Protein backbone atom coordinates (compact mmCIF):
# COMPACT_ATOMS: atom_id res chain seq x y z
CA UNK A 1 16.68 -7.24 -52.95
CA UNK A 2 14.25 -6.16 -50.02
CA UNK A 3 10.81 -4.60 -50.94
CA UNK A 4 9.26 -1.67 -49.28
CA UNK A 5 5.84 -0.33 -49.46
CA UNK A 6 5.48 3.42 -48.97
CA UNK A 7 2.30 5.52 -49.27
CA UNK A 8 2.09 8.70 -51.24
CA UNK A 9 -0.39 11.53 -52.08
CA UNK A 10 -1.65 11.20 -55.72
CA UNK A 11 -0.01 14.50 -56.79
CA UNK A 12 3.27 13.16 -55.43
CA UNK A 13 2.88 9.37 -57.17
CA UNK A 14 2.14 11.16 -60.48
CA UNK A 15 5.02 13.61 -59.84
CA UNK A 16 7.62 10.84 -59.27
CA UNK A 17 6.37 8.71 -62.26
CA UNK A 18 6.48 11.72 -64.49
CA UNK A 19 10.19 12.48 -63.19
CA UNK A 20 11.39 9.02 -63.84
CA UNK A 21 9.76 8.97 -67.02
CA UNK A 22 11.34 12.44 -68.05
CA UNK A 23 14.80 11.31 -66.82
CA UNK A 24 14.71 8.03 -68.59
CA UNK A 25 15.17 6.02 -65.34
CA UNK A 26 12.88 3.94 -62.76
CA UNK A 27 11.26 5.02 -59.76
CA UNK A 28 13.75 3.03 -57.63
CA UNK A 29 16.83 4.40 -59.29
CA UNK A 30 15.21 7.97 -58.62
CA UNK A 31 14.41 7.21 -54.86
CA UNK A 32 18.24 5.88 -54.38
CA UNK A 33 19.37 9.32 -56.06
CA UNK A 34 17.18 10.97 -53.71
CA UNK A 35 18.02 9.40 -50.58
CA UNK A 36 21.72 9.72 -51.42
CA UNK A 37 21.34 13.54 -51.87
CA UNK A 38 19.47 13.61 -48.55
CA UNK A 39 22.70 12.20 -46.91
CA UNK A 40 20.91 8.88 -46.22
CA UNK A 41 23.87 6.60 -46.78
CA UNK A 42 24.82 2.81 -46.32
CA UNK A 43 27.21 2.05 -43.36
CA UNK A 44 29.71 1.02 -46.13
CA UNK A 45 29.36 4.27 -48.08
CA UNK A 46 29.42 6.48 -44.75
CA UNK A 47 32.84 4.75 -43.53
CA UNK A 48 34.46 5.13 -47.06
CA UNK A 49 33.49 8.96 -46.74
CA UNK A 50 35.03 9.06 -43.27
CA UNK A 51 38.06 7.02 -44.23
CA UNK A 52 38.54 9.60 -47.03
CA UNK A 53 38.04 12.41 -44.99
CA UNK A 54 40.42 11.07 -42.38
CA UNK A 55 43.27 10.64 -44.76
CA UNK A 56 42.82 13.90 -46.15
CA UNK A 57 42.52 16.16 -43.12
CA UNK A 58 45.96 15.73 -41.44
CA UNK A 59 44.30 15.75 -38.00
CA UNK A 60 45.38 13.38 -35.28
CA UNK A 61 42.30 11.09 -34.18
CA UNK A 62 41.60 12.97 -31.21
CA UNK A 63 41.58 16.32 -33.02
CA UNK A 64 38.96 14.46 -35.67
CA UNK A 65 36.79 13.08 -32.85
CA UNK A 66 36.36 16.66 -31.36
CA UNK A 67 35.79 18.34 -34.37
CA UNK A 68 32.97 15.60 -35.28
CA UNK A 69 31.60 15.88 -31.93
CA UNK A 70 30.93 19.62 -32.12
CA UNK A 71 29.58 19.61 -35.90
CA UNK A 72 27.33 16.85 -34.81
CA UNK A 73 26.26 19.29 -31.93
CA UNK A 74 25.99 22.04 -33.96
CA UNK A 75 23.86 20.24 -36.59
CA UNK A 76 21.54 19.03 -33.92
CA UNK A 77 20.94 22.59 -32.83
CA UNK A 78 19.92 23.79 -36.13
CA UNK A 79 17.51 20.72 -36.67
CA UNK A 80 15.48 21.71 -33.39
């Protein structure tokens, strides 16, 4: 598995260590969970979500694409 180095404040580092210990998990697992909750997914995971949504939506491909583009544009406007 690839490794990554990040820089945290002493306070944040202590909070991460304490949270992992309290939950009985590793810092790596805690970070993975946090990234997942933040919507940061692997391409494979995202493709599975899209496939499931497409199968359940009942929308034609063109309708699904139109909806996706509108929602993406709206989300970008909210961020700016």
